[in-house]
Amino acid sequence: MGLGAGSLSGSLGFQWLLFLGLVSPALGAARSGFQQTSHLSSYEIITPWRLTRERREAPRPSSEQVSYVIQAEGKEHIIHLERNKDLLPKDFVVYTYNNEGALISDYPDIQNHCHYRGYVEGIYNSSIALSDCFGLRGLLHIENVSYGIEPLQNSSHFEHVFYRMDDVHREPVKCGVSNKDIEEEIVKDEEEEPPSVTQLLRRRRAVLPQTRYVELFIVVDKERYDMMGRNQTAVREEMIRLANYLDSMYIMLNIRIVLVGLEIWTNGNLINIIGGAGDVLGNFVQWREKFLITRRRHDSAQLVLKKGFGGTAGMAFVGTVCSRSHAGGINVFGQITVETFASIVAHELGHNLGMNHDDGRDCYCGAKSCIMNSGASGSRNFSTCSAEDFEKLTLNKGGNCLLNIPKPDEAYSAPFCGNKLVDPGEECDCGTPKECELDPCCEGSTCKLKSSAECAYGDCCQDCWFLPGGTLCRGKTNECDVPEYCNGSSQFCQPDVFIQNGYPCQNNKAYCYNGMCQYYDAQCQVIFGSKAKAAPRDCFIDVNSKGDRFGNCGFSGNEYKKCATGNALCGKLQCENVQEMPVFGIVPAIIQTPGRGTKCWGVDFQLGSDVPDPGMVNEGTRCDVGKICRNFQCVNASVLNYDCDIQKKCHGHGYVIAIRIVTVTMAGLPPIVILQDTEEVWTVDLHTTLLWLSRLRTQHGVREDADWVSGLAQWIKDLALPELRCRLQKWLKSGIAVAVV
């Protein structure tokens, strides 16, 4: 079943679900209250009927699958719905606060919720996302036309308001820069860049073969909570509806949205929301990193707030979905419907997933505008550009956290065998019967592995068999990265990990931060080519003290912020020895400022007011001795919480992995840390990760079944430490062993 599309034009609408035809402007004006329909230029009053085998009947409590008959625009349509069982995990959590500010955790049992997805019978590529909690409410999309449906207030006959999303009046809001901003470029390369090979060969690609799952966490601010009458249940149900709409939109890219948690700031906002969108976004992701991640694992967190920022509907970082420090966005939810609001969140979440604005690019989505257009106007369609942007993210290892497949008891949607997508419950999917004739591993009729096969796809699968444990499957990309190896019992490469933030790199002149060694020369070379390097300190001070688009330390409200001298190295990046211009899909504005004996080069990428500028100095860059850039300020590097003195703990030979993948307690024994390039095994107060356990299992033939961890613990317990040293000696000398946290 395909999902539909919509339009993002000049206002913040959400046009997305399923239905046909034109809504008659003459119908309904006299049938419902003015308040409910005052924002509609045209609508129709309809009465849906639930369809059974015997007869049509009035609605009854929610079922796993349900069908309705809807008569609208002079036509009768049958819609088929299935409860969205992927929407909420069993351990879905809601955080609130009491009057004293103490955190309250609630795990509501809402697996039998009333939120559905579906399609219109006989209409190709149609899609629906709605709830039937108290009548039908949601979005329908068919043939590039989006409709909304909601119960008619005070009706005793199950009447509903049915309308086109294009007929919803909305204040124009956008997240990109205006034409005026573009005209005010100071310096710009006048010559049009020729189309890249990618652009010339662009095509509508099939969705990526493996489903990605975004574990989404939503935070609702105090003002929005108050606006909902301080009703926690109402806020919760509204956010679940929002997640259901998002899931319906993203499924066209083979991305599923799973709402893993909700936090409502019932007792006051926990961050400062005074200032511009950039200020609030920075405050939110810092709060998330410090407090939220430690409570609930998730891939992206989105703040929902009532306060507006002029014409900016939201803001988010680009390509940061798996980042501990930047996987977040902010979204303005004022006097608009949740259906309209969903397009805003889809847009900002799209930035986290690596999607840039469609403006100025050769993009197609089957509608007059697409979700990632800078003017947030309510489209339900992702464009070909968005699909390519997300594909690039995954190919560049930016989305590995999205490969966490929900557990069998958390994912219930019925798979469609033959769609070449490995859905939950399937072991493989080779496609059509003809395609499956050539597949040696997968049984096409059942989407199960053939009896002679262990696997059918994946980086650690070859000729239908798992590659041996210890086979390199993801190489080390830089000095702040570590290689990953197959574990011998899975077709997938182990989760991508990197060295802990704060580890010295670049000959102790820089620090590792989120898997990259952050230093000025490398950042200049990314933008201006391999010959470029960082400009002298004076360039940073002179340019960034101006507080304009080419020299600033972020925003203060809606104005550029001037950099104090001590923070100048954390503002706009300044480079010298520039011999080539940037080559990007989006042509930036470039400025050259005369410096003291040099020329200072900087850029403004004009990605829109909802996207942090990649022309700024990267977070984590060393700006002074013992200091790094954080939120446009030069602060003590202790904020990175680097806690491993390798000289003391590792005799100068080890390093610490940043991400704790799986921690295991060794049956009462102190966990073991193996050090690289040494023959010693140290028992210290640290946990050992799956990376080490899998390697050890392969070395000594321990089976990885349900009891493999306890079996390994017993195996270690039975060995004397000297014998363990001896057995591991050869492995340690190979240089593959890694010290872990």
Foldseek 3Di string as FASTA:
>chain_A
DAFFKEFFPQALFAFGAADDAAFAQVADPPPADCVVCVQFSGWHKWAKWWDDPPDTDHDDDDDQKTWIWTQGNNDIWIKIKGQQLLAEFQQAWEWEADQVGDIDIDRDRCSVAFWIKTAIPPAPNKIWTWGCPPATFGWTDGLHWIKTKDAGPPDPRSMIIIHTRVRGHGDGFFFFDDPVVVVPFPFFDPDDDPDDPCQVPQDQDQADQEAFEFAEEEEEFQVVCVVVVVDPVVVVVLVSSLQRLLQSLCVNNSYGYYHRYYYYHNNHGPFDPPFAQLVVLQRVLVCCLVPVCVPDPGQAYEYEYADDQVRRQKAAAALQRNPSRGRYMYGHDHPDGSSSRSLRVSQRNLRNLQAFACPPGDKDFSYPHRSRHRGNHHMSTDISRSSVRNVVSVVVVSRLVRNPDDDLSSGDDDDDAQPSHQDPVAQGHQHDPVSCVPQPFADRVRNYGDPVALHRDEQQADPRAGNAWPQFRAPQDDPFFHTWTGLRRDRYTPGGWTFAWQPADPVNQFTDDPSDTAEQQVLCCLFQNDQKGADDLQLLQVQQQPQDQFHALQGGSPGGHRDDSQLSLQFFTWMFPRDGGGDDSQGWRKDWDDDDVTITIFTFRSRGNNYPTSRTRDFRTQPDVQWTHRSSHTGGSCVSVDDDDCCPPVVVFATEIHDADDFDDLPPFQAWFAGAPDLDIDRDNDTDHPRVVSNVCSLPVQDPDPCSRNVVSVVVVPDDRVVVSVSCRVVRNVRNGHTYD
